[in-house]
Amino acid sequence: MDNRTASEIEASMERLLRDLQNVVRDGEDLLRAGVHDLSEKGVAARERLAAALEVAKETRHRLEERAVASAKATDKLVREYPYQSVGAAFGIGLIIGVLVNRR
Protein backbone atom coordinates (compact mmCIF):
# COMPACT_ATOMS: atom_id res chain seq x y z
CA MET A 1 0.00 0.00 0.00
CA ASP A 2 1.16 3.55 -0.70
CA ASN A 3 2.40 5.36 2.41
CA ARG A 4 1.88 8.85 1.04
CA THR A 5 -0.62 11.11 2.76
CA ALA A 6 -3.71 12.42 1.03
CA SER A 7 -2.24 15.93 0.88
CA GLU A 8 0.93 14.62 -0.80
CA ILE A 9 -1.14 12.72 -3.35
CA GLU A 10 -3.32 15.78 -3.95
CA ALA A 11 -0.26 18.01 -4.40
CA SER A 12 1.27 15.47 -6.78
CA MET A 13 -1.96 15.33 -8.78
CA GLU A 14 -2.11 19.13 -8.97
CA ARG A 15 1.50 19.28 -10.22
CA LEU A 16 0.74 16.61 -12.81
CA LEU A 17 -2.34 18.46 -14.04
CA ARG A 18 -0.44 21.76 -14.18
CA ASP A 19 2.46 20.15 -16.07
CA LEU A 20 0.07 18.45 -18.48
CA GLN A 21 -1.73 21.74 -19.09
CA ASN A 22 1.63 23.44 -19.81
CA VAL A 23 2.57 20.70 -22.28
CA VAL A 24 -0.75 21.08 -24.08
CA ARG A 25 -0.40 24.86 -24.23
CA ASP A 26 3.20 24.65 -25.48
CA GLY A 27 2.23 22.05 -28.08
CA GLU A 28 -0.62 24.22 -29.33
CA ASP A 29 1.78 27.17 -29.59
CA LEU A 30 4.18 25.01 -31.61
CA LEU A 31 1.37 23.94 -33.92
CA ARG A 32 0.35 27.55 -34.53
CA ALA A 33 3.95 28.65 -35.08
CA GLY A 34 4.71 25.86 -37.53
CA VAL A 35 1.76 26.39 -39.88
CA HIS A 36 3.79 27.78 -42.79
CA ASP A 37 6.14 25.96 -45.20
CA LEU A 38 5.84 22.38 -44.01
CA SER A 39 7.38 19.48 -45.90
CA GLU A 40 5.77 16.04 -45.93
CA LYS A 41 7.70 15.06 -42.82
CA GLY A 42 6.67 18.30 -41.16
CA VAL A 43 3.00 17.69 -41.96
CA ALA A 44 3.23 14.14 -40.57
CA ALA A 45 4.97 15.37 -37.42
CA ARG A 46 2.37 18.10 -37.01
CA GLU A 47 -0.45 15.54 -37.31
CA ARG A 48 1.21 13.28 -34.71
CA LEU A 49 1.66 16.25 -32.38
CA ALA A 50 -1.98 17.25 -32.83
CA ALA A 51 -3.09 13.68 -32.03
CA ALA A 52 -0.82 13.56 -28.98
CA LEU A 53 -2.22 16.89 -27.77
CA GLU A 54 -5.77 15.57 -28.05
CA VAL A 55 -4.82 12.52 -25.99
CA ALA A 56 -3.13 14.78 -23.42
CA LYS A 57 -6.24 16.98 -23.20
CA GLU A 58 -8.47 13.95 -22.68
CA THR A 59 -6.11 12.56 -20.05
CA ARG A 60 -6.02 15.89 -18.21
CA HIS A 61 -9.82 16.05 -18.30
CA ARG A 62 -10.17 12.50 -16.95
CA LEU A 63 -7.63 13.19 -14.19
CA GLU A 64 -9.47 16.35 -13.17
CA GLU A 65 -12.77 14.46 -13.05
CA ARG A 66 -11.22 11.70 -10.93
CA ALA A 67 -9.63 14.23 -8.57
CA VAL A 68 -12.95 16.03 -8.08
CA ALA A 69 -14.80 12.74 -7.58
CA SER A 70 -12.22 11.61 -5.00
CA ALA A 71 -12.44 14.90 -3.14
CA LYS A 72 -16.24 14.70 -3.07
CA ALA A 73 -16.15 11.09 -1.86
CA THR A 74 -13.68 11.99 0.89
CA ASP A 75 -15.80 14.96 1.93
CA LYS A 76 -18.92 12.81 2.04
CA LEU A 77 -17.16 10.14 4.11
CA VAL A 78 -15.81 12.68 6.58
CA ARG A 79 -19.25 14.28 6.92
CA GLU A 80 -20.93 10.89 7.45
CA TYR A 81 -18.36 9.73 10.03
CA PRO A 82 -16.87 12.87 11.60
CA TYR A 83 -15.74 11.33 14.90
CA GLN A 84 -14.24 8.27 13.25
CA SER A 85 -12.43 10.54 10.76
CA VAL A 86 -10.98 12.68 13.52
CA GLY A 87 -9.99 9.54 15.44
CA ALA A 88 -8.31 8.02 12.39
CA ALA A 89 -6.46 11.26 11.64
CA PHE A 90 -5.34 11.48 15.28
CA GLY A 91 -4.17 7.86 15.26
CA ILE A 92 -2.24 8.26 12.01
CA GLY A 93 -0.69 11.49 13.27
CA LEU A 94 0.28 9.79 16.53
CA ILE A 95 1.92 6.89 14.70
CA ILE A 96 3.81 9.24 12.38
CA GLY A 97 4.91 11.35 15.35
CA VAL A 98 6.21 8.29 17.18
CA LEU A 99 8.05 7.05 14.09
CA VAL A 100 9.61 10.46 13.40
CA ASN A 101 10.75 10.86 17.01
CA ARG A 102 12.38 7.40 17.03
CA ARG A 103 15.09 8.60 14.65
PDB file of N, CA and C in Angstrom:
ATOM      1  N   MET A   1       0.846  -1.187   0.000  1.00  0.00           N
ATOM      2  CA  MET A   1       0.000   0.000   0.000  1.00  0.00           C
ATOM      3  C   MET A   1       0.886   1.243   0.000  1.00  0.00           C
ATOM      4  N   ASP A   2       0.418   2.302  -0.596  1.00  0.00           N
ATOM      5  CA  ASP A   2       1.164   3.548  -0.701  1.00  0.00           C
ATOM      6  C   ASP A   2       1.137   4.267   0.642  1.00  0.00           C
ATOM      7  N   ASN A   3       2.298   4.710   1.104  1.00  0.00           N
ATOM      8  CA  ASN A   3       2.404   5.359   2.409  1.00  0.00           C
ATOM      9  C   ASN A   3       2.283   6.869   2.333  1.00  0.00           C
ATOM     10  N   ARG A   4       1.991   7.400   1.165  1.00  0.00           N
ATOM     11  CA  ARG A   4       1.875   8.853   1.042  1.00  0.00           C
ATOM     12  C   ARG A   4       0.562   9.329   1.656  1.00  0.00           C
ATOM     13  N   THR A   5       0.589  10.549   2.175  1.00  0.00           N
ATOM     14  CA  THR A   5      -0.618  11.114   2.757  1.00  0.00           C
ATOM     15  C   THR A   5      -1.515  11.657   1.654  1.00  0.00           C
ATOM     16  N   ALA A   6      -2.755  11.905   2.003  1.00  0.00           N
ATOM     17  CA  ALA A   6      -3.714  12.422   1.031  1.00  0.00           C
ATOM     18  C   ALA A   6      -3.267  13.774   0.492  1.00  0.00           C
ATOM     19  N   SER A   7      -2.677  14.606   1.339  1.00  0.00           N
ATOM     20  CA  SER A   7      -2.239  15.928   0.877  1.00  0.00           C
ATOM     21  C   SER A   7      -1.066  15.807  -0.098  1.00  0.00           C
ATOM     22  N   GLU A   8      -0.169  14.830   0.140  1.00  0.00           N
ATOM     23  CA  GLU A   8       0.935  14.622  -0.795  1.00  0.00           C
ATOM     24  C   GLU A   8       0.418  14.143  -2.148  1.00  0.00           C
ATOM     25  N   ILE A   9      -0.550  13.237  -2.113  1.00  0.00           N
ATOM     26  CA  ILE A   9      -1.140  12.724  -3.351  1.00  0.00           C
ATOM     27  C   ILE A   9      -1.862  13.840  -4.081  1.00  0.00           C
ATOM     28  N   GLU A  10      -2.595  14.659  -3.336  1.00  0.00           N
ATOM     29  CA  GLU A  10      -3.316  15.777  -3.951  1.00  0.00           C
ATOM     30  C   GLU A  10      -2.340  16.779  -4.572  1.00  0.00           C
ATOM     31  N   ALA A  11      -1.265  17.085  -3.869  1.00  0.00           N
ATOM     32  CA  ALA A  11      -0.256  18.014  -4.400  1.00  0.00           C
ATOM     33  C   ALA A  11       0.397  17.431  -5.645  1.00  0.00           C
ATOM     34  N   SER A  12       0.675  16.135  -5.615  1.00  0.00           N
ATOM     35  CA  SER A  12       1.271  15.474  -6.777  1.00  0.00           C
ATOM     36  C   SER A  12       0.315  15.517  -7.969  1.00  0.00           C
ATOM     37  N   MET A  13      -0.961  15.297  -7.717  1.00  0.00           N
ATOM     38  CA  MET A  13      -1.964  15.330  -8.782  1.00  0.00           C
ATOM     39  C   MET A  13      -2.073  16.739  -9.363  1.00  0.00           C
ATOM     40  N   GLU A  14      -2.036  17.747  -8.493  1.00  0.00           N
ATOM     41  CA  GLU A  14      -2.108  19.129  -8.968  1.00  0.00           C
ATOM     42  C   GLU A  14      -0.897  19.478  -9.831  1.00  0.00           C
ATOM     43  N   ARG A  15       0.292  19.038  -9.419  1.00  0.00           N
ATOM     44  CA  ARG A  15       1.502  19.279 -10.223  1.00  0.00           C
ATOM     45  C   ARG A  15       1.397  18.578 -11.575  1.00  0.00           C
ATOM     46  N   LEU A  16       0.896  17.348 -11.569  1.00  0.00           N
ATOM     47  CA  LEU A  16       0.744  16.605 -12.813  1.00  0.00           C
ATOM     48  C   LEU A  16      -0.226  17.311 -13.747  1.00  0.00           C
ATOM     49  N   LEU A  17      -1.355  17.754 -13.215  1.00  0.00           N
ATOM     50  CA  LEU A  17      -2.341  18.461 -14.042  1.00  0.00           C
ATOM     51  C   LEU A  17      -1.763  19.764 -14.581  1.00  0.00           C
ATOM     52  N   ARG A  18      -1.032  20.496 -13.747  1.00  0.00           N
ATOM     53  CA  ARG A  18      -0.438  21.759 -14.176  1.00  0.00           C
ATOM     54  C   ARG A  18       0.613  21.509 -15.267  1.00  0.00           C
ATOM     55  N   ASP A  19       1.443  20.480 -15.072  1.00  0.00           N
ATOM     56  CA  ASP A  19       2.457  20.148 -16.073  1.00  0.00           C
ATOM     57  C   ASP A  19       1.809  19.715 -17.382  1.00  0.00           C
ATOM     58  N   LEU A  20       0.771  18.913 -17.280  1.00  0.00           N
ATOM     59  CA  LEU A  20       0.074  18.449 -18.481  1.00  0.00           C
ATOM     60  C   LEU A  20      -0.571  19.621 -19.218  1.00  0.00           C
ATOM     61  N   GLN A  21      -1.131  20.554 -18.478  1.00  0.00           N
ATOM     62  CA  GLN A  21      -1.726  21.743 -19.086  1.00  0.00           C
ATOM     63  C   GLN A  21      -0.652  22.575 -19.791  1.00  0.00           C
ATOM     64  N   ASN A  22       0.523  22.696 -19.180  1.00  0.00           N
ATOM     65  CA  ASN A  22       1.626  23.436 -19.812  1.00  0.00           C
ATOM     66  C   ASN A  22       2.086  22.759 -21.094  1.00  0.00           C
ATOM     67  N   VAL A  23       2.167  21.440 -21.075  1.00  0.00           N
ATOM     68  CA  VAL A  23       2.572  20.704 -22.277  1.00  0.00           C
ATOM     69  C   VAL A  23       1.566  20.926 -23.392  1.00  0.00           C
ATOM     70  N   VAL A  24       0.289  20.863 -23.071  1.00  0.00           N
ATOM     71  CA  VAL A  24      -0.750  21.080 -24.081  1.00  0.00           C
ATOM     72  C   VAL A  24      -0.648  22.492 -24.638  1.00  0.00           C
ATOM     73  N   ARG A  25      -0.488  23.475 -23.775  1.00  0.00           N
ATOM     74  CA  ARG A  25      -0.397  24.864 -24.227  1.00  0.00           C
ATOM     75  C   ARG A  25       0.834  25.071 -25.119  1.00  0.00           C
ATOM     76  N   ASP A  26       1.977  24.519 -24.692  1.00  0.00           N
ATOM     77  CA  ASP A  26       3.199  24.652 -25.483  1.00  0.00           C
ATOM     78  C   ASP A  26       3.060  23.942 -26.827  1.00  0.00           C
ATOM     79  N   GLY A  27       2.442  22.784 -26.830  1.00  0.00           N
ATOM     80  CA  GLY A  27       2.227  22.053 -28.081  1.00  0.00           C
ATOM     81  C   GLY A  27       1.325  22.812 -29.034  1.00  0.00           C
ATOM     82  N   GLU A  28       0.274  23.422 -28.484  1.00  0.00           N
ATOM     83  CA  GLU A  28      -0.618  24.222 -29.327  1.00  0.00           C
ATOM     84  C   GLU A  28       0.123  25.419 -29.905  1.00  0.00           C
ATOM     85  N   ASP A  29       0.976  26.039 -29.093  1.00  0.00           N
ATOM     86  CA  ASP A  29       1.783  27.166 -29.590  1.00  0.00           C
ATOM     87  C   ASP A  29       2.703  26.713 -30.720  1.00  0.00           C
ATOM     88  N   LEU A  30       3.318  25.541 -30.555  1.00  0.00           N
ATOM     89  CA  LEU A  30       4.180  25.009 -31.607  1.00  0.00           C
ATOM     90  C   LEU A  30       3.394  24.740 -32.886  1.00  0.00           C
ATOM     91  N   LEU A  31       2.194  24.205 -32.736  1.00  0.00           N
ATOM     92  CA  LEU A  31       1.374  23.942 -33.919  1.00  0.00           C
ATOM     93  C   LEU A  31       1.041  25.235 -34.653  1.00  0.00           C
ATOM     94  N   ARG A  32       0.687  26.267 -33.905  1.00  0.00           N
ATOM     95  CA  ARG A  32       0.352  27.550 -34.534  1.00  0.00           C
ATOM     96  C   ARG A  32       1.583  28.174 -35.192  1.00  0.00           C
ATOM     97  N   ALA A  33       2.735  28.049 -34.549  1.00  0.00           N
ATOM     98  CA  ALA A  33       3.954  28.649 -35.079  1.00  0.00           C
ATOM     99  C   ALA A  33       4.451  27.924 -36.324  1.00  0.00           C
ATOM    100  N   GLY A  34       4.187  26.630 -36.417  1.00  0.00           N
ATOM    101  CA  GLY A  34       4.709  25.856 -37.532  1.00  0.00           C
ATOM    102  C   GLY A  34       3.723  25.649 -38.661  1.00  0.00           C
ATOM    103  N   VAL A  35       2.790  26.546 -38.852  1.00  0.00           N
ATOM    104  CA  VAL A  35       1.760  26.388 -39.878  1.00  0.00           C
ATOM    105  C   VAL A  35       2.318  26.582 -41.282  1.00  0.00           C
ATOM    106  N   HIS A  36       3.297  27.424 -41.463  1.00  0.00           N
ATOM    107  CA  HIS A  36       3.795  27.777 -42.793  1.00  0.00           C
ATOM    108  C   HIS A  36       4.934  26.864 -43.244  1.00  0.00           C
ATOM    109  N   ASP A  37       5.014  26.635 -44.548  1.00  0.00           N
ATOM    110  CA  ASP A  37       6.138  25.962 -45.196  1.00  0.00           C
ATOM    111  C   ASP A  37       6.502  24.618 -44.562  1.00  0.00           C
ATOM    112  N   LEU A  38       5.560  23.699 -44.553  1.00  0.00           N
ATOM    113  CA  LEU A  38       5.835  22.385 -44.010  1.00  0.00           C
ATOM    114  C   LEU A  38       6.089  21.382 -45.130  1.00  0.00           C
ATOM    115  N   SER A  39       7.123  20.575 -44.965  1.00  0.00           N
ATOM    116  CA  SER A  39       7.375  19.482 -45.901  1.00  0.00           C
ATOM    117  C   SER A  39       6.452  18.320 -45.527  1.00  0.00           C
ATOM    118  N   GLU A  40       6.585  17.213 -46.249  1.00  0.00           N
ATOM    119  CA  GLU A  40       5.766  16.038 -45.932  1.00  0.00           C
ATOM    120  C   GLU A  40       6.056  15.543 -44.527  1.00  0.00           C
ATOM    121  N   LYS A  41       7.335  15.505 -44.161  1.00  0.00           N
ATOM    122  CA  LYS A  41       7.701  15.063 -42.819  1.00  0.00           C
ATOM    123  C   LYS A  41       7.156  16.024 -41.767  1.00  0.00           C
ATOM    124  N   GLY A  42       7.194  17.295 -42.079  1.00  0.00           N
ATOM    125  CA  GLY A  42       6.666  18.296 -41.157  1.00  0.00           C
ATOM    126  C   GLY A  42       5.175  18.155 -40.959  1.00  0.00           C
ATOM    127  N   VAL A  43       4.459  17.878 -42.042  1.00  0.00           N
ATOM    128  CA  VAL A  43       3.002  17.690 -41.957  1.00  0.00           C
ATOM    129  C   VAL A  43       2.697  16.461 -41.100  1.00  0.00           C
ATOM    130  N   ALA A  44       3.443  15.364 -41.337  1.00  0.00           N
ATOM    131  CA  ALA A  44       3.229  14.139 -40.567  1.00  0.00           C
ATOM    132  C   ALA A  44       3.529  14.372 -39.083  1.00  0.00           C
ATOM    133  N   ALA A  45       4.613  15.077 -38.807  1.00  0.00           N
ATOM    134  CA  ALA A  45       4.969  15.374 -37.416  1.00  0.00           C
ATOM    135  C   ALA A  45       3.903  16.252 -36.774  1.00  0.00           C
ATOM    136  N   ARG A  46       3.414  17.208 -37.530  1.00  0.00           N
ATOM    137  CA  ARG A  46       2.369  18.102 -37.010  1.00  0.00           C
ATOM    138  C   ARG A  46       1.106  17.314 -36.688  1.00  0.00           C
ATOM    139  N   GLU A  47       0.742  16.355 -37.550  1.00  0.00           N
ATOM    140  CA  GLU A  47      -0.448  15.543 -37.307  1.00  0.00           C
ATOM    141  C   GLU A  47      -0.258  14.662 -36.071  1.00  0.00           C
ATOM    142  N   ARG A  48       0.939  14.095 -35.901  1.00  0.00           N
ATOM    143  CA  ARG A  48       1.209  13.282 -34.709  1.00  0.00           C
ATOM    144  C   ARG A  48       1.150  14.134 -33.449  1.00  0.00           C
ATOM    145  N   LEU A  49       1.697  15.347 -33.531  1.00  0.00           N
ATOM    146  CA  LEU A  49       1.659  16.249 -32.384  1.00  0.00           C
ATOM    147  C   LEU A  49       0.222  16.625 -32.042  1.00  0.00           C
ATOM    148  N   ALA A  50      -0.576  16.899 -33.062  1.00  0.00           N
ATOM    149  CA  ALA A  50      -1.975  17.248 -32.828  1.00  0.00           C
ATOM    150  C   ALA A  50      -2.714  16.079 -32.169  1.00  0.00           C
ATOM    151  N   ALA A  51      -2.445  14.856 -32.627  1.00  0.00           N
ATOM    152  CA  ALA A  51      -3.087  13.683 -32.031  1.00  0.00           C
ATOM    153  C   ALA A  51      -2.632  13.503 -30.586  1.00  0.00           C
ATOM    154  N   ALA A  52      -1.346  13.690 -30.338  1.00  0.00           N
ATOM    155  CA  ALA A  52      -0.823  13.563 -28.975  1.00  0.00           C
ATOM    156  C   ALA A  52      -1.421  14.623 -28.057  1.00  0.00           C
ATOM    157  N   LEU A  53      -1.615  15.817 -28.576  1.00  0.00           N
ATOM    158  CA  LEU A  53      -2.224  16.886 -27.774  1.00  0.00           C
ATOM    159  C   LEU A  53      -3.664  16.548 -27.411  1.00  0.00           C
ATOM    160  N   GLU A  54      -4.383  15.958 -28.341  1.00  0.00           N
ATOM    161  CA  GLU A  54      -5.770  15.565 -28.051  1.00  0.00           C
ATOM    162  C   GLU A  54      -5.802  14.513 -26.947  1.00  0.00           C
ATOM    163  N   VAL A  55      -4.898  13.544 -27.033  1.00  0.00           N
ATOM    164  CA  VAL A  55      -4.822  12.517 -25.993  1.00  0.00           C
ATOM    165  C   VAL A  55      -4.468  13.154 -24.653  1.00  0.00           C
ATOM    166  N   ALA A  56      -3.528  14.095 -24.655  1.00  0.00           N
ATOM    167  CA  ALA A  56      -3.130  14.779 -23.418  1.00  0.00           C
ATOM    168  C   ALA A  56      -4.304  15.568 -22.831  1.00  0.00           C
ATOM    169  N   LYS A  57      -5.075  16.226 -23.682  1.00  0.00           N
ATOM    170  CA  LYS A  57      -6.244  16.978 -23.202  1.00  0.00           C
ATOM    171  C   LYS A  57      -7.262  16.039 -22.565  1.00  0.00           C
ATOM    172  N   GLU A  58      -7.515  14.911 -23.221  1.00  0.00           N
ATOM    173  CA  GLU A  58      -8.474  13.945 -22.685  1.00  0.00           C
ATOM    174  C   GLU A  58      -7.983  13.377 -21.350  1.00  0.00           C
ATOM    175  N   THR A  59      -6.684  13.085 -21.281  1.00  0.00           N
ATOM    176  CA  THR A  59      -6.110  12.563 -20.049  1.00  0.00           C
ATOM    177  C   THR A  59      -6.231  13.581 -18.925  1.00  0.00           C
ATOM    178  N   ARG A  60      -5.913  14.830 -19.223  1.00  0.00           N
ATOM    179  CA  ARG A  60      -6.025  15.890 -18.209  1.00  0.00           C
ATOM    180  C   ARG A  60      -7.460  16.010 -17.729  1.00  0.00           C
ATOM    181  N   HIS A  61      -8.401  15.947 -18.656  1.00  0.00           N
ATOM    182  CA  HIS A  61      -9.816  16.054 -18.302  1.00  0.00           C
ATOM    183  C   HIS A  61     -10.239  14.893 -17.403  1.00  0.00           C
ATOM    184  N   ARG A  62      -9.823  13.672 -17.763  1.00  0.00           N
ATOM    185  CA  ARG A  62     -10.173  12.501 -16.947  1.00  0.00           C
ATOM    186  C   ARG A  62      -9.552  12.600 -15.560  1.00  0.00           C
ATOM    187  N   LEU A  63      -8.288  13.053 -15.482  1.00  0.00           N
ATOM    188  CA  LEU A  63      -7.633  13.194 -14.189  1.00  0.00           C
ATOM    189  C   LEU A  63      -8.332  14.234 -13.322  1.00  0.00           C
ATOM    190  N   GLU A  64      -8.742  15.324 -13.929  1.00  0.00           N
ATOM    191  CA  GLU A  64      -9.468  16.352 -13.172  1.00  0.00           C
ATOM    192  C   GLU A  64     -10.779  15.797 -12.642  1.00  0.00           C
ATOM    193  N   GLU A  65     -11.496  15.046 -13.485  1.00  0.00           N
ATOM    194  CA  GLU A  65     -12.766  14.465 -13.046  1.00  0.00           C
ATOM    195  C   GLU A  65     -12.553  13.485 -11.892  1.00  0.00           C
ATOM    196  N   ARG A  66     -11.502  12.665 -11.999  1.00  0.00           N
ATOM    197  CA  ARG A  66     -11.220  11.705 -10.932  1.00  0.00           C
ATOM    198  C   ARG A  66     -10.826  12.416  -9.645  1.00  0.00           C
ATOM    199  N   ALA A  67     -10.047  13.490  -9.760  1.00  0.00           N
ATOM    200  CA  ALA A  67      -9.631  14.233  -8.575  1.00  0.00           C
ATOM    201  C   ALA A  67     -10.837  14.858  -7.879  1.00  0.00           C
ATOM    202  N   VAL A  68     -11.741  15.428  -8.661  1.00  0.00           N
ATOM    203  CA  VAL A  68     -12.947  16.034  -8.085  1.00  0.00           C
ATOM    204  C   VAL A  68     -13.819  14.964  -7.439  1.00  0.00           C
ATOM    205  N   ALA A  69     -13.983  13.826  -8.119  1.00  0.00           N
ATOM    206  CA  ALA A  69     -14.797  12.741  -7.575  1.00  0.00           C
ATOM    207  C   ALA A  69     -14.197  12.216  -6.269  1.00  0.00           C
ATOM    208  N   SER A  70     -12.886  12.086  -6.218  1.00  0.00           N
ATOM    209  CA  SER A  70     -12.220  11.613  -5.002  1.00  0.00           C
ATOM    210  C   SER A  70     -12.392  12.602  -3.860  1.00  0.00           C
ATOM    211  N   ALA A  71     -12.268  13.878  -4.172  1.00  0.00           N
ATOM    212  CA  ALA A  71     -12.441  14.901  -3.140  1.00  0.00           C
ATOM    213  C   ALA A  71     -13.872  14.890  -2.609  1.00  0.00           C
ATOM    214  N   LYS A  72     -14.844  14.742  -3.504  1.00  0.00           N
ATOM    215  CA  LYS A  72     -16.240  14.695  -3.069  1.00  0.00           C
ATOM    216  C   LYS A  72     -16.516  13.461  -2.220  1.00  0.00           C
ATOM    217  N   ALA A  73     -15.949  12.317  -2.624  1.00  0.00           N
ATOM    218  CA  ALA A  73     -16.148  11.087  -1.857  1.00  0.00           C
ATOM    219  C   ALA A  73     -15.528  11.206  -0.474  1.00  0.00           C
ATOM    220  N   THR A  74     -14.342  11.790  -0.402  1.00  0.00           N
ATOM    221  CA  THR A  74     -13.680  11.986   0.889  1.00  0.00           C
ATOM    222  C   THR A  74     -14.492  12.927   1.761  1.00  0.00           C
ATOM    223  N   ASP A  75     -14.981  14.012   1.176  1.00  0.00           N
ATOM    224  CA  ASP A  75     -15.797  14.965   1.927  1.00  0.00           C
ATOM    225  C   ASP A  75     -17.055  14.296   2.464  1.00  0.00           C
ATOM    226  N   LYS A  76     -17.690  13.502   1.625  1.00  0.00           N
ATOM    227  CA  LYS A  76     -18.921  12.809   2.038  1.00  0.00           C
ATOM    228  C   LYS A  76     -18.625  11.844   3.180  1.00  0.00           C
ATOM    229  N   LEU A  77     -17.534  11.096   3.071  1.00  0.00           N
ATOM    230  CA  LEU A  77     -17.163  10.136   4.105  1.00  0.00           C
ATOM    231  C   LEU A  77     -16.869  10.828   5.427  1.00  0.00           C
ATOM    232  N   VAL A  78     -16.136  11.932   5.359  1.00  0.00           N
ATOM    233  CA  VAL A  78     -15.808  12.676   6.580  1.00  0.00           C
ATOM    234  C   VAL A  78     -17.076  13.254   7.203  1.00  0.00           C
ATOM    235  N   ARG A  79     -17.992  13.727   6.383  1.00  0.00           N
ATOM    236  CA  ARG A  79     -19.251  14.277   6.919  1.00  0.00           C
ATOM    237  C   ARG A  79     -20.139  13.198   7.511  1.00  0.00           C
ATOM    238  N   GLU A  80     -20.117  11.985   6.932  1.00  0.00           N
ATOM    239  CA  GLU A  80     -20.933  10.890   7.454  1.00  0.00           C
ATOM    240  C   GLU A  80     -20.356  10.336   8.758  1.00  0.00           C
ATOM    241  N   TYR A  81     -19.034  10.308   8.871  1.00  0.00           N
ATOM    242  CA  TYR A  81     -18.363   9.730  10.035  1.00  0.00           C
ATOM    243  C   TYR A  81     -17.341  10.718  10.608  1.00  0.00           C
ATOM    244  N   PRO A  82     -17.823  11.844  11.159  1.00  0.00           N
ATOM    245  CA  PRO A  82     -16.874  12.871  11.604  1.00  0.00           C
ATOM    246  C   PRO A  82     -15.983  12.420  12.761  1.00  0.00           C
ATOM    247  N   TYR A  83     -16.540  11.721  13.738  1.00  0.00           N
ATOM    248  CA  TYR A  83     -15.738  11.326  14.897  1.00  0.00           C
ATOM    249  C   TYR A  83     -14.735  10.241  14.522  1.00  0.00           C
ATOM    250  N   GLN A  84     -15.154   9.310  13.691  1.00  0.00           N
ATOM    251  CA  GLN A  84     -14.237   8.270  13.246  1.00  0.00           C
ATOM    252  C   GLN A  84     -13.105   8.879  12.407  1.00  0.00           C
ATOM    253  N   SER A  85     -13.443   9.884  11.592  1.00  0.00           N
ATOM    254  CA  SER A  85     -12.432  10.545  10.762  1.00  0.00           C
ATOM    255  C   SER A  85     -11.411  11.271  11.618  1.00  0.00           C
ATOM    256  N   VAL A  86     -11.891  11.977  12.623  1.00  0.00           N
ATOM    257  CA  VAL A  86     -10.984  12.683  13.524  1.00  0.00           C
ATOM    258  C   VAL A  86     -10.117  11.675  14.283  1.00  0.00           C
ATOM    259  N   GLY A  87     -10.734  10.579  14.728  1.00  0.00           N
ATOM    260  CA  GLY A  87      -9.989   9.541  15.442  1.00  0.00           C
ATOM    261  C   GLY A  87      -8.926   8.908  14.557  1.00  0.00           C
ATOM    262  N   ALA A  88      -9.280   8.612  13.318  1.00  0.00           N
ATOM    263  CA  ALA A  88      -8.310   8.018  12.390  1.00  0.00           C
ATOM    264  C   ALA A  88      -7.167   8.994  12.123  1.00  0.00           C
ATOM    265  N   ALA A  89      -7.494  10.261  11.893  1.00  0.00           N
ATOM    266  CA  ALA A  89      -6.457  11.264  11.642  1.00  0.00           C
ATOM    267  C   ALA A  89      -5.543  11.400  12.861  1.00  0.00           C
ATOM    268  N   PHE A  90      -6.134  11.389  14.047  1.00  0.00           N
ATOM    269  CA  PHE A  90      -5.339  11.479  15.276  1.00  0.00           C
ATOM    270  C   PHE A  90      -4.418  10.273  15.392  1.00  0.00           C
ATOM    271  N   GLY A  91      -4.960   9.093  15.158  1.00  0.00           N
ATOM    272  CA  GLY A  91      -4.168   7.858  15.262  1.00  0.00           C
ATOM    273  C   GLY A  91      -3.019   7.837  14.269  1.00  0.00           C
ATOM    274  N   ILE A  92      -3.291   8.222  13.040  1.00  0.00           N
ATOM    275  CA  ILE A  92      -2.239   8.256  12.012  1.00  0.00           C
ATOM    276  C   ILE A  92      -1.187   9.293  12.388  1.00  0.00           C
ATOM    277  N   GLY A  93      -1.630  10.448  12.849  1.00  0.00           N
ATOM    278  CA  GLY A  93      -0.686  11.486  13.274  1.00  0.00           C
ATOM    279  C   GLY A  93       0.166  11.028  14.447  1.00  0.00           C
ATOM    280  N   LEU A  94      -0.442  10.308  15.377  1.00  0.00           N
ATOM    281  CA  LEU A  94       0.283   9.794  16.530  1.00  0.00           C
ATOM    282  C   LEU A  94       1.348   8.790  16.092  1.00  0.00           C
ATOM    283  N   ILE A  95       0.966   7.888  15.200  1.00  0.00           N
ATOM    284  CA  ILE A  95       1.920   6.887  14.703  1.00  0.00           C
ATOM    285  C   ILE A  95       3.075   7.565  13.963  1.00  0.00           C
ATOM    286  N   ILE A  96       2.754   8.520  13.107  1.00  0.00           N
ATOM    287  CA  ILE A  96       3.806   9.245  12.379  1.00  0.00           C
ATOM    288  C   ILE A  96       4.706   9.994  13.350  1.00  0.00           C
ATOM    289  N   GLY A  97       4.116  10.627  14.351  1.00  0.00           N
ATOM    290  CA  GLY A  97       4.905  11.347  15.352  1.00  0.00           C
ATOM    291  C   GLY A  97       5.851  10.423  16.114  1.00  0.00           C
ATOM    292  N   VAL A  98       5.370   9.243  16.477  1.00  0.00           N
ATOM    293  CA  VAL A  98       6.215   8.292  17.184  1.00  0.00           C
ATOM    294  C   VAL A  98       7.343   7.824  16.283  1.00  0.00           C
ATOM    295  N   LEU A  99       7.033   7.520  15.022  1.00  0.00           N
ATOM    296  CA  LEU A  99       8.054   7.052  14.093  1.00  0.00           C
ATOM    297  C   LEU A  99       9.105   8.125  13.823  1.00  0.00           C
ATOM    298  N   VAL A 100       8.675   9.363  13.686  1.00  0.00           N
ATOM    299  CA  VAL A 100       9.611  10.455  13.404  1.00  0.00           C
ATOM    300  C   VAL A 100      10.508  10.689  14.624  1.00  0.00           C
ATOM    301  N   ASN A 101       9.965  10.601  15.811  1.00  0.00           N
ATOM    302  CA  ASN A 101      10.750  10.865  17.015  1.00  0.00           C
ATOM    303  C   ASN A 101      11.690   9.727  17.367  1.00  0.00           C
ATOM    304  N   ARG A 102      11.499   8.551  16.773  1.00  0.00           N
ATOM    305  CA  ARG A 102      12.378   7.402  17.032  1.00  0.00           C
ATOM    306  C   ARG A 102      13.745   7.599  16.387  1.00  0.00           C
ATOM    307  N   ARG A 103      13.833   8.399  15.388  1.00  0.00           N
ATOM    308  CA  ARG A 103      15.089   8.602  14.653  1.00  0.00           C
ATOM    309  C   ARG A 103      15.960   9.463  15.443  1.00  0.00           C
TER     310      ARG A 103
END
